[in-house]
Amino acid sequence: FFGAAALGDWCLIVEPNDSMGVDAAIAGP
């Protein structure tokens, strides 16, 4: 579960109590 917000040319992904962003199998692609 996550929330994504636009910050200019970037996207901020917030995960309360999760770890998708540091999972190379997901973050890599």
mmCIF file of all heavy atoms, coordinates in Angstrom:
data_MODEL
# 
_entry.id   MODEL 
# 
loop_
_atom_site.group_PDB 
_atom_site.id 
_atom_site.type_symbol 
_atom_site.label_atom_id 
_atom_site.label_alt_id 
_atom_site.label_comp_id 
_atom_site.label_asym_id 
_atom_site.label_entity_id 
_atom_site.label_seq_id 
_atom_site.pdbx_PDB_ins_code 
_atom_site.Cartn_x 
_atom_site.Cartn_y 
_atom_site.Cartn_z 
_atom_site.occupancy 
_atom_site.B_iso_or_equiv 
_atom_site.pdbx_formal_charge 
_atom_site.auth_seq_id 
_atom_site.auth_comp_id 
_atom_site.auth_asym_id 
_atom_site.auth_atom_id 
_atom_site.pdbx_PDB_model_num 
ATOM 1   N N   . PHE A 1 1  ? 0.844  -1.191 0.000   1.00 0.00 ? 1  PHE A N   1 
ATOM 2   C CA  . PHE A 1 1  ? 0.000  0.000  0.000   1.00 0.00 ? 1  PHE A CA  1 
ATOM 3   C C   . PHE A 1 1  ? 0.883  1.246  0.000   1.00 0.00 ? 1  PHE A C   1 
ATOM 4   O O   . PHE A 1 1  ? 1.866  1.332  0.757   1.00 0.00 ? 1  PHE A O   1 
ATOM 5   C CB  . PHE A 1 1  ? -0.910 0.018  1.227   1.00 0.00 ? 1  PHE A CB  1 
ATOM 6   C CG  . PHE A 1 1  ? -1.649 1.319  1.376   1.00 0.00 ? 1  PHE A CG  1 
ATOM 7   C CD1 . PHE A 1 1  ? -2.722 1.620  0.553   1.00 0.00 ? 1  PHE A CD1 1 
ATOM 8   C CD2 . PHE A 1 1  ? -1.239 2.259  2.302   1.00 0.00 ? 1  PHE A CD2 1 
ATOM 9   C CE1 . PHE A 1 1  ? -3.382 2.830  0.658   1.00 0.00 ? 1  PHE A CE1 1 
ATOM 10  C CE2 . PHE A 1 1  ? -1.898 3.474  2.439   1.00 0.00 ? 1  PHE A CE2 1 
ATOM 11  C CZ  . PHE A 1 1  ? -2.970 3.763  1.609   1.00 0.00 ? 1  PHE A CZ  1 
ATOM 12  N N   . PHE A 1 2  ? 0.523  2.241  -0.833  1.00 0.00 ? 2  PHE A N   1 
ATOM 13  C CA  . PHE A 1 2  ? 1.329  3.462  -0.903  1.00 0.00 ? 2  PHE A CA  1 
ATOM 14  C C   . PHE A 1 2  ? 0.470  4.624  -1.381  1.00 0.00 ? 2  PHE A C   1 
ATOM 15  O O   . PHE A 1 2  ? -0.637 4.457  -1.901  1.00 0.00 ? 2  PHE A O   1 
ATOM 16  C CB  . PHE A 1 2  ? 2.516  3.284  -1.858  1.00 0.00 ? 2  PHE A CB  1 
ATOM 17  C CG  . PHE A 1 2  ? 2.129  3.125  -3.308  1.00 0.00 ? 2  PHE A CG  1 
ATOM 18  C CD1 . PHE A 1 2  ? 2.089  4.216  -4.170  1.00 0.00 ? 2  PHE A CD1 1 
ATOM 19  C CD2 . PHE A 1 2  ? 1.809  1.877  -3.823  1.00 0.00 ? 2  PHE A CD2 1 
ATOM 20  C CE1 . PHE A 1 2  ? 1.729  4.077  -5.498  1.00 0.00 ? 2  PHE A CE1 1 
ATOM 21  C CE2 . PHE A 1 2  ? 1.438  1.716  -5.155  1.00 0.00 ? 2  PHE A CE2 1 
ATOM 22  C CZ  . PHE A 1 2  ? 1.408  2.827  -5.996  1.00 0.00 ? 2  PHE A CZ  1 
ATOM 23  N N   . GLY A 1 3  ? 1.002  5.822  -1.197  1.00 0.00 ? 3  GLY A N   1 
ATOM 24  C CA  . GLY A 1 3  ? 0.433  7.028  -1.769  1.00 0.00 ? 3  GLY A CA  1 
ATOM 25  C C   . GLY A 1 3  ? 1.498  7.748  -2.566  1.00 0.00 ? 3  GLY A C   1 
ATOM 26  O O   . GLY A 1 3  ? 2.664  7.774  -2.167  1.00 0.00 ? 3  GLY A O   1 
ATOM 27  N N   . ALA A 1 4  ? 1.135  8.311  -3.709  1.00 0.00 ? 4  ALA A N   1 
ATOM 28  C CA  . ALA A 1 4  ? 2.088  8.992  -4.583  1.00 0.00 ? 4  ALA A CA  1 
ATOM 29  C C   . ALA A 1 4  ? 1.607  10.413 -4.848  1.00 0.00 ? 4  ALA A C   1 
ATOM 30  O O   . ALA A 1 4  ? 0.425  10.628 -5.149  1.00 0.00 ? 4  ALA A O   1 
ATOM 31  C CB  . ALA A 1 4  ? 2.252  8.237  -5.902  1.00 0.00 ? 4  ALA A CB  1 
ATOM 32  N N   . ALA A 1 5  ? 2.526  11.372 -4.737  1.00 0.00 ? 5  ALA A N   1 
ATOM 33  C CA  . ALA A 1 5  ? 2.188  12.786 -4.946  1.00 0.00 ? 5  ALA A CA  1 
ATOM 34  C C   . ALA A 1 5  ? 3.198  13.426 -5.879  1.00 0.00 ? 5  ALA A C   1 
ATOM 35  O O   . ALA A 1 5  ? 4.396  13.126 -5.820  1.00 0.00 ? 5  ALA A O   1 
ATOM 36  C CB  . ALA A 1 5  ? 2.168  13.538 -3.610  1.00 0.00 ? 5  ALA A CB  1 
ATOM 37  N N   . ALA A 1 6  ? 2.728  14.308 -6.736  1.00 0.00 ? 6  ALA A N   1 
ATOM 38  C CA  . ALA A 1 6  ? 3.598  15.023 -7.671  1.00 0.00 ? 6  ALA A CA  1 
ATOM 39  C C   . ALA A 1 6  ? 4.307  16.170 -6.954  1.00 0.00 ? 6  ALA A C   1 
ATOM 40  O O   . ALA A 1 6  ? 3.667  16.975 -6.277  1.00 0.00 ? 6  ALA A O   1 
ATOM 41  C CB  . ALA A 1 6  ? 2.789  15.561 -8.844  1.00 0.00 ? 6  ALA A CB  1 
ATOM 42  N N   . LEU A 1 7  ? 5.627  16.225 -7.118  1.00 0.00 ? 7  LEU A N   1 
ATOM 43  C CA  . LEU A 1 7  ? 6.436  17.327 -6.595  1.00 0.00 ? 7  LEU A CA  1 
ATOM 44  C C   . LEU A 1 7  ? 7.288  17.858 -7.738  1.00 0.00 ? 7  LEU A C   1 
ATOM 45  O O   . LEU A 1 7  ? 8.451  17.471 -7.893  1.00 0.00 ? 7  LEU A O   1 
ATOM 46  C CB  . LEU A 1 7  ? 7.334  16.860 -5.437  1.00 0.00 ? 7  LEU A CB  1 
ATOM 47  C CG  . LEU A 1 7  ? 6.648  16.290 -4.190  1.00 0.00 ? 7  LEU A CG  1 
ATOM 48  C CD1 . LEU A 1 7  ? 7.692  15.903 -3.147  1.00 0.00 ? 7  LEU A CD1 1 
ATOM 49  C CD2 . LEU A 1 7  ? 5.661  17.287 -3.610  1.00 0.00 ? 7  LEU A CD2 1 
ATOM 50  N N   . GLY A 1 8  ? 6.717  18.709 -8.561  1.00 0.00 ? 8  GLY A N   1 
ATOM 51  C CA  . GLY A 1 8  ? 7.450  19.207 -9.725  1.00 0.00 ? 8  GLY A CA  1 
ATOM 52  C C   . GLY A 1 8  ? 7.763  18.077 -10.679 1.00 0.00 ? 8  GLY A C   1 
ATOM 53  O O   . GLY A 1 8  ? 6.871  17.328 -11.105 1.00 0.00 ? 8  GLY A O   1 
ATOM 54  N N   . ASP A 1 9  ? 9.048  17.913 -11.011 1.00 0.00 ? 9  ASP A N   1 
ATOM 55  C CA  . ASP A 1 9  ? 9.479  16.854 -11.917 1.00 0.00 ? 9  ASP A CA  1 
ATOM 56  C C   . ASP A 1 9  ? 9.689  15.526 -11.204 1.00 0.00 ? 9  ASP A C   1 
ATOM 57  O O   . ASP A 1 9  ? 10.150 14.556 -11.821 1.00 0.00 ? 9  ASP A O   1 
ATOM 58  C CB  . ASP A 1 9  ? 10.788 17.259 -12.605 1.00 0.00 ? 9  ASP A CB  1 
ATOM 59  C CG  . ASP A 1 9  ? 10.608 18.444 -13.543 1.00 0.00 ? 9  ASP A CG  1 
ATOM 60  O OD1 . ASP A 1 9  ? 9.486  18.624 -14.056 1.00 0.00 ? 9  ASP A OD1 1 
ATOM 61  O OD2 . ASP A 1 9  ? 11.575 19.200 -13.741 1.00 0.00 ? 9  ASP A OD2 1 
ATOM 62  N N   . TRP A 1 10 ? 9.389  15.482 -9.928  1.00 0.00 ? 10 TRP A N   1 
ATOM 63  C CA  . TRP A 1 10 ? 9.592  14.270 -9.131  1.00 0.00 ? 10 TRP A CA  1 
ATOM 64  C C   . TRP A 1 10 ? 8.259  13.763 -8.610  1.00 0.00 ? 10 TRP A C   1 
ATOM 65  O O   . TRP A 1 10 ? 7.282  14.500 -8.534  1.00 0.00 ? 10 TRP A O   1 
ATOM 66  C CB  . TRP A 1 10 ? 10.526 14.555 -7.954  1.00 0.00 ? 10 TRP A CB  1 
ATOM 67  C CG  . TRP A 1 10 ? 11.930 14.849 -8.373  1.00 0.00 ? 10 TRP A CG  1 
ATOM 68  C CD1 . TRP A 1 10 ? 12.406 16.025 -8.891  1.00 0.00 ? 10 TRP A CD1 1 
ATOM 69  C CD2 . TRP A 1 10 ? 13.030 13.953 -8.341  1.00 0.00 ? 10 TRP A CD2 1 
ATOM 70  N NE1 . TRP A 1 10 ? 13.745 15.912 -9.177  1.00 0.00 ? 10 TRP A NE1 1 
ATOM 71  C CE2 . TRP A 1 10 ? 14.160 14.651 -8.846  1.00 0.00 ? 10 TRP A CE2 1 
ATOM 72  C CE3 . TRP A 1 10 ? 13.191 12.628 -7.928  1.00 0.00 ? 10 TRP A CE3 1 
ATOM 73  C CZ2 . TRP A 1 10 ? 15.415 14.065 -8.939  1.00 0.00 ? 10 TRP A CZ2 1 
ATOM 74  C CZ3 . TRP A 1 10 ? 14.445 12.041 -8.022  1.00 0.00 ? 10 TRP A CZ3 1 
ATOM 75  C CH2 . TRP A 1 10 ? 15.545 12.758 -8.528  1.00 0.00 ? 10 TRP A CH2 1 
ATOM 76  N N   . CYS A 1 11 ? 8.252  12.496 -8.226  1.00 0.00 ? 11 CYS A N   1 
ATOM 77  C CA  . CYS A 1 11 ? 7.103  11.908 -7.563  1.00 0.00 ? 11 CYS A CA  1 
ATOM 78  C C   . CYS A 1 11 ? 7.551  11.393 -6.200  1.00 0.00 ? 11 CYS A C   1 
ATOM 79  O O   . CYS A 1 11 ? 8.573  10.696 -6.091  1.00 0.00 ? 11 CYS A O   1 
ATOM 80  C CB  . CYS A 1 11 ? 6.528  10.754 -8.393  1.00 0.00 ? 11 CYS A CB  1 
ATOM 81  S SG  . CYS A 1 11 ? 4.985  10.088 -7.729  1.00 0.00 ? 11 CYS A SG  1 
ATOM 82  N N   . LEU A 1 12 ? 6.810  11.762 -5.175  1.00 0.00 ? 12 LEU A N   1 
ATOM 83  C CA  . LEU A 1 12 ? 7.060  11.286 -3.817  1.00 0.00 ? 12 LEU A CA  1 
ATOM 84  C C   . LEU A 1 12 ? 6.135  10.108 -3.538  1.00 0.00 ? 12 LEU A C   1 
ATOM 85  O O   . LEU A 1 12 ? 4.922  10.218 -3.701  1.00 0.00 ? 12 LEU A O   1 
ATOM 86  C CB  . LEU A 1 12 ? 6.802  12.401 -2.803  1.00 0.00 ? 12 LEU A CB  1 
ATOM 87  C CG  . LEU A 1 12 ? 6.800  11.992 -1.325  1.00 0.00 ? 12 LEU A CG  1 
ATOM 88  C CD1 . LEU A 1 12 ? 8.185  11.523 -0.892  1.00 0.00 ? 12 LEU A CD1 1 
ATOM 89  C CD2 . LEU A 1 12 ? 6.319  13.149 -0.455  1.00 0.00 ? 12 LEU A CD2 1 
ATOM 90  N N   . ILE A 1 13 ? 6.713  9.008  -3.117  1.00 0.00 ? 13 ILE A N   1 
ATOM 91  C CA  . ILE A 1 13 ? 5.958  7.817  -2.757  1.00 0.00 ? 13 ILE A CA  1 
ATOM 92  C C   . ILE A 1 13 ? 6.089  7.617  -1.250  1.00 0.00 ? 13 ILE A C   1 
ATOM 93  O O   . ILE A 1 13 ? 7.200  7.498  -0.729  1.00 0.00 ? 13 ILE A O   1 
ATOM 94  C CB  . ILE A 1 13 ? 6.479  6.573  -3.503  1.00 0.00 ? 13 ILE A CB  1 
ATOM 95  C CG1 . ILE A 1 13 ? 6.431  6.785  -5.015  1.00 0.00 ? 13 ILE A CG1 1 
ATOM 96  C CG2 . ILE A 1 13 ? 5.672  5.335  -3.111  1.00 0.00 ? 13 ILE A CG2 1 
ATOM 97  C CD1 . ILE A 1 13 ? 7.157  5.714  -5.810  1.00 0.00 ? 13 ILE A CD1 1 
ATOM 98  N N   . VAL A 1 14 ? 4.958  7.597  -0.574  1.00 0.00 ? 14 VAL A N   1 
ATOM 99  C CA  . VAL A 1 14 ? 4.930  7.423  0.878   1.00 0.00 ? 14 VAL A CA  1 
ATOM 100 C C   . VAL A 1 14 ? 4.318  6.066  1.195   1.00 0.00 ? 14 VAL A C   1 
ATOM 101 O O   . VAL A 1 14 ? 3.212  5.754  0.743   1.00 0.00 ? 14 VAL A O   1 
ATOM 102 C CB  . VAL A 1 14 ? 4.112  8.533  1.563   1.00 0.00 ? 14 VAL A CB  1 
ATOM 103 C CG1 . VAL A 1 14 ? 4.019  8.283  3.065   1.00 0.00 ? 14 VAL A CG1 1 
ATOM 104 C CG2 . VAL A 1 14 ? 4.733  9.893  1.289   1.00 0.00 ? 14 VAL A CG2 1 
ATOM 105 N N   . GLU A 1 15 ? 5.038  5.276  1.978   1.00 0.00 ? 15 GLU A N   1 
ATOM 106 C CA  . GLU A 1 15 ? 4.539  3.979  2.431   1.00 0.00 ? 15 GLU A CA  1 
ATOM 107 C C   . GLU A 1 15 ? 4.534  3.946  3.952   1.00 0.00 ? 15 GLU A C   1 
ATOM 108 O O   . GLU A 1 15 ? 5.587  3.834  4.566   1.00 0.00 ? 15 GLU A O   1 
ATOM 109 C CB  . GLU A 1 15 ? 5.432  2.849  1.931   1.00 0.00 ? 15 GLU A CB  1 
ATOM 110 C CG  . GLU A 1 15 ? 5.566  2.714  0.435   1.00 0.00 ? 15 GLU A CG  1 
ATOM 111 C CD  . GLU A 1 15 ? 6.585  1.645  0.091   1.00 0.00 ? 15 GLU A CD  1 
ATOM 112 O OE1 . GLU A 1 15 ? 6.267  0.440  0.262   1.00 0.00 ? 15 GLU A OE1 1 
ATOM 113 O OE2 . GLU A 1 15 ? 7.704  2.003  -0.309  1.00 0.00 ? 15 GLU A OE2 1 
ATOM 114 N N   . PRO A 1 16 ? 3.394  4.053  4.576   1.00 0.00 ? 16 PRO A N   1 
ATOM 115 C CA  . PRO A 1 16 ? 3.348  3.824  6.017   1.00 0.00 ? 16 PRO A CA  1 
ATOM 116 C C   . PRO A 1 16 ? 3.507  2.326  6.313   1.00 0.00 ? 16 PRO A C   1 
ATOM 117 O O   . PRO A 1 16 ? 2.740  1.508  5.806   1.00 0.00 ? 16 PRO A O   1 
ATOM 118 C CB  . PRO A 1 16 ? 1.950  4.316  6.422   1.00 0.00 ? 16 PRO A CB  1 
ATOM 119 C CG  . PRO A 1 16 ? 1.442  5.102  5.241   1.00 0.00 ? 16 PRO A CG  1 
ATOM 120 C CD  . PRO A 1 16 ? 2.095  4.479  4.053   1.00 0.00 ? 16 PRO A CD  1 
ATOM 121 N N   . ASN A 1 17 ? 4.531  1.992  7.065   1.00 0.00 ? 17 ASN A N   1 
ATOM 122 C CA  . ASN A 1 17 ? 4.736  0.603  7.499   1.00 0.00 ? 17 ASN A CA  1 
ATOM 123 C C   . ASN A 1 17 ? 4.917  -0.371 6.337   1.00 0.00 ? 17 ASN A C   1 
ATOM 124 O O   . ASN A 1 17 ? 4.362  -1.475 6.343   1.00 0.00 ? 17 ASN A O   1 
ATOM 125 C CB  . ASN A 1 17 ? 3.573  0.146  8.394   1.00 0.00 ? 17 ASN A CB  1 
ATOM 126 C CG  . ASN A 1 17 ? 3.904  -1.104 9.179   1.00 0.00 ? 17 ASN A CG  1 
ATOM 127 O OD1 . ASN A 1 17 ? 5.045  -1.323 9.560   1.00 0.00 ? 17 ASN A OD1 1 
ATOM 128 N ND2 . ASN A 1 17 ? 2.913  -1.943 9.415   1.00 0.00 ? 17 ASN A ND2 1 
ATOM 129 N N   . ASP A 1 18 ? 5.704  0.033  5.315   1.00 0.00 ? 18 ASP A N   1 
ATOM 130 C CA  . ASP A 1 18 ? 6.009  -0.888 4.225   1.00 0.00 ? 18 ASP A CA  1 
ATOM 131 C C   . ASP A 1 18 ? 7.403  -0.560 3.690   1.00 0.00 ? 18 ASP A C   1 
ATOM 132 O O   . ASP A 1 18 ? 8.072  0.342  4.202   1.00 0.00 ? 18 ASP A O   1 
ATOM 133 C CB  . ASP A 1 18 ? 4.959  -0.831 3.127   1.00 0.00 ? 18 ASP A CB  1 
ATOM 134 C CG  . ASP A 1 18 ? 4.729  -2.204 2.476   1.00 0.00 ? 18 ASP A CG  1 
ATOM 135 O OD1 . ASP A 1 18 ? 5.694  -2.991 2.391   1.00 0.00 ? 18 ASP A OD1 1 
ATOM 136 O OD2 . ASP A 1 18 ? 3.598  -2.487 2.049   1.00 0.00 ? 18 ASP A OD2 1 
ATOM 137 N N   . SER A 1 19 ? 7.835  -1.287 2.656   1.00 0.00 ? 19 SER A N   1 
ATOM 138 C CA  . SER A 1 19 ? 9.250  -1.214 2.267   1.00 0.00 ? 19 SER A CA  1 
ATOM 139 C C   . SER A 1 19 ? 9.485  -1.379 0.777   1.00 0.00 ? 19 SER A C   1 
ATOM 140 O O   . SER A 1 19 ? 10.588 -1.735 0.355   1.00 0.00 ? 19 SER A O   1 
ATOM 141 C CB  . SER A 1 19 ? 10.038 -2.306 3.010   1.00 0.00 ? 19 SER A CB  1 
ATOM 142 O OG  . SER A 1 19 ? 9.500  -3.593 2.710   1.00 0.00 ? 19 SER A OG  1 
ATOM 143 N N   . MET A 1 20 ? 8.471  -1.135 -0.045  1.00 0.00 ? 20 MET A N   1 
ATOM 144 C CA  . MET A 1 20 ? 8.599  -1.329 -1.483  1.00 0.00 ? 20 MET A CA  1 
ATOM 145 C C   . MET A 1 20 ? 9.764  -0.539 -2.076  1.00 0.00 ? 20 MET A C   1 
ATOM 146 O O   . MET A 1 20 ? 10.460 -1.013 -2.975  1.00 0.00 ? 20 MET A O   1 
ATOM 147 C CB  . MET A 1 20 ? 7.276  -0.925 -2.138  1.00 0.00 ? 20 MET A CB  1 
ATOM 148 C CG  . MET A 1 20 ? 7.225  -0.990 -3.632  1.00 0.00 ? 20 MET A CG  1 
ATOM 149 S SD  . MET A 1 20 ? 5.560  -0.605 -4.246  1.00 0.00 ? 20 MET A SD  1 
ATOM 150 C CE  . MET A 1 20 ? 5.394  1.126  -3.732  1.00 0.00 ? 20 MET A CE  1 
ATOM 151 N N   . GLY A 1 21 ? 9.984  0.681  -1.583  1.00 0.00 ? 21 GLY A N   1 
ATOM 152 C CA  . GLY A 1 21 ? 11.006 1.547  -2.159  1.00 0.00 ? 21 GLY A CA  1 
ATOM 153 C C   . GLY A 1 21 ? 12.428 1.057  -1.994  1.00 0.00 ? 21 GLY A C   1 
ATOM 154 O O   . GLY A 1 21 ? 13.322 1.503  -2.720  1.00 0.00 ? 21 GLY A O   1 
ATOM 155 N N   . VAL A 1 22 ? 12.661 0.145  -1.042  1.00 0.00 ? 22 VAL A N   1 
ATOM 156 C CA  . VAL A 1 22 ? 14.010 -0.405 -0.869  1.00 0.00 ? 22 VAL A CA  1 
ATOM 157 C C   . VAL A 1 22 ? 14.056 -1.877 -1.265  1.00 0.00 ? 22 VAL A C   1 
ATOM 158 O O   . VAL A 1 22 ? 14.989 -2.590 -0.913  1.00 0.00 ? 22 VAL A O   1 
ATOM 159 C CB  . VAL A 1 22 ? 14.531 -0.216 0.577   1.00 0.00 ? 22 VAL A CB  1 
ATOM 160 C CG1 . VAL A 1 22 ? 14.778 1.259  0.867   1.00 0.00 ? 22 VAL A CG1 1 
ATOM 161 C CG2 . VAL A 1 22 ? 13.580 -0.816 1.610   1.00 0.00 ? 22 VAL A CG2 1 
ATOM 162 N N   . ASP A 1 23 ? 13.061 -2.319 -2.018  1.00 0.00 ? 23 ASP A N   1 
ATOM 163 C CA  . ASP A 1 23 ? 13.053 -3.663 -2.594  1.00 0.00 ? 23 ASP A CA  1 
ATOM 164 C C   . ASP A 1 23 ? 13.564 -3.541 -4.025  1.00 0.00 ? 23 ASP A C   1 
ATOM 165 O O   . ASP A 1 23 ? 12.872 -3.022 -4.900  1.00 0.00 ? 23 ASP A O   1 
ATOM 166 C CB  . ASP A 1 23 ? 11.631 -4.231 -2.565  1.00 0.00 ? 23 ASP A CB  1 
ATOM 167 C CG  . ASP A 1 23 ? 11.562 -5.675 -3.055  1.00 0.00 ? 23 ASP A CG  1 
ATOM 168 O OD1 . ASP A 1 23 ? 12.447 -6.094 -3.832  1.00 0.00 ? 23 ASP A OD1 1 
ATOM 169 O OD2 . ASP A 1 23 ? 10.604 -6.372 -2.679  1.00 0.00 ? 23 ASP A OD2 1 
ATOM 170 N N   . ALA A 1 24 ? 14.777 -4.014 -4.267  1.00 0.00 ? 24 ALA A N   1 
ATOM 171 C CA  . ALA A 1 24 ? 15.411 -3.829 -5.572  1.00 0.00 ? 24 ALA A CA  1 
ATOM 172 C C   . ALA A 1 24 ? 14.601 -4.468 -6.693  1.00 0.00 ? 24 ALA A C   1 
ATOM 173 O O   . ALA A 1 24 ? 14.633 -3.994 -7.838  1.00 0.00 ? 24 ALA A O   1 
ATOM 174 C CB  . ALA A 1 24 ? 16.827 -4.402 -5.561  1.00 0.00 ? 24 ALA A CB  1 
ATOM 175 N N   . ALA A 1 25 ? 13.853 -5.531 -6.395  1.00 0.00 ? 25 ALA A N   1 
ATOM 176 C CA  . ALA A 1 25 ? 13.058 -6.192 -7.427  1.00 0.00 ? 25 ALA A CA  1 
ATOM 177 C C   . ALA A 1 25 ? 11.938 -5.287 -7.924  1.00 0.00 ? 25 ALA A C   1 
ATOM 178 O O   . ALA A 1 25 ? 11.459 -5.440 -9.050  1.00 0.00 ? 25 ALA A O   1 
ATOM 179 C CB  . ALA A 1 25 ? 12.470 -7.494 -6.890  1.00 0.00 ? 25 ALA A CB  1 
ATOM 180 N N   . ILE A 1 26 ? 11.504 -4.336 -7.089  1.00 0.00 ? 26 ILE A N   1 
ATOM 181 C CA  . ILE A 1 26 ? 10.450 -3.401 -7.470  1.00 0.00 ? 26 ILE A CA  1 
ATOM 182 C C   . ILE A 1 26 ? 11.034 -2.055 -7.877  1.00 0.00 ? 26 ILE A C   1 
ATOM 183 O O   . ILE A 1 26 ? 10.689 -1.496 -8.921  1.00 0.00 ? 26 ILE A O   1 
ATOM 184 C CB  . ILE A 1 26 ? 9.465  -3.204 -6.304  1.00 0.00 ? 26 ILE A CB  1 
ATOM 185 C CG1 . ILE A 1 26 ? 8.811  -4.533 -5.932  1.00 0.00 ? 26 ILE A CG1 1 
ATOM 186 C CG2 . ILE A 1 26 ? 8.399  -2.173 -6.667  1.00 0.00 ? 26 ILE A CG2 1 
ATOM 187 C CD1 . ILE A 1 26 ? 7.945  -4.464 -4.695  1.00 0.00 ? 26 ILE A CD1 1 
ATOM 188 N N   . ALA A 1 27 ? 11.925 -1.528 -7.046  1.00 0.00 ? 27 ALA A N   1 
ATOM 189 C CA  . ALA A 1 27 ? 12.482 -0.202 -7.298  1.00 0.00 ? 27 ALA A CA  1 
ATOM 190 C C   . ALA A 1 27 ? 13.402 -0.182 -8.516  1.00 0.00 ? 27 ALA A C   1 
ATOM 191 O O   . ALA A 1 27 ? 13.509 0.838  -9.202  1.00 0.00 ? 27 ALA A O   1 
ATOM 192 C CB  . ALA A 1 27 ? 13.231 0.293  -6.065  1.00 0.00 ? 27 ALA A CB  1 
ATOM 193 N N   . GLY A 1 28 ? 14.066 -1.300 -8.781  1.00 0.00 ? 28 GLY A N   1 
ATOM 194 C CA  . GLY A 1 28 ? 14.962 -1.351 -9.938  1.00 0.00 ? 28 GLY A CA  1 
ATOM 195 C C   . GLY A 1 28 ? 14.254 -1.042 -11.235 1.00 0.00 ? 28 GLY A C   1 
ATOM 196 O O   . GLY A 1 28 ? 14.621 -0.103 -11.961 1.00 0.00 ? 28 GLY A O   1 
ATOM 197 N N   . PRO A 1 29 ? 13.206 -1.787 -11.600 1.00 0.00 ? 29 PRO A N   1 
ATOM 198 C CA  . PRO A 1 29 ? 12.452 -1.472 -12.816 1.00 0.00 ? 29 PRO A CA  1 
ATOM 199 C C   . PRO A 1 29 ? 11.836 -0.075 -12.799 1.00 0.00 ? 29 PRO A C   1 
ATOM 200 O O   . PRO A 1 29 ? 11.769 0.594  -13.833 1.00 0.00 ? 29 PRO A O   1 
ATOM 201 C CB  . PRO A 1 29 ? 11.383 -2.561 -12.851 1.00 0.00 ? 29 PRO A CB  1 
ATOM 202 C CG  . PRO A 1 29 ? 11.981 -3.711 -12.094 1.00 0.00 ? 29 PRO A CG  1 
ATOM 203 C CD  . PRO A 1 29 ? 12.784 -3.073 -11.003 1.00 0.00 ? 29 PRO A CD  1 
# 
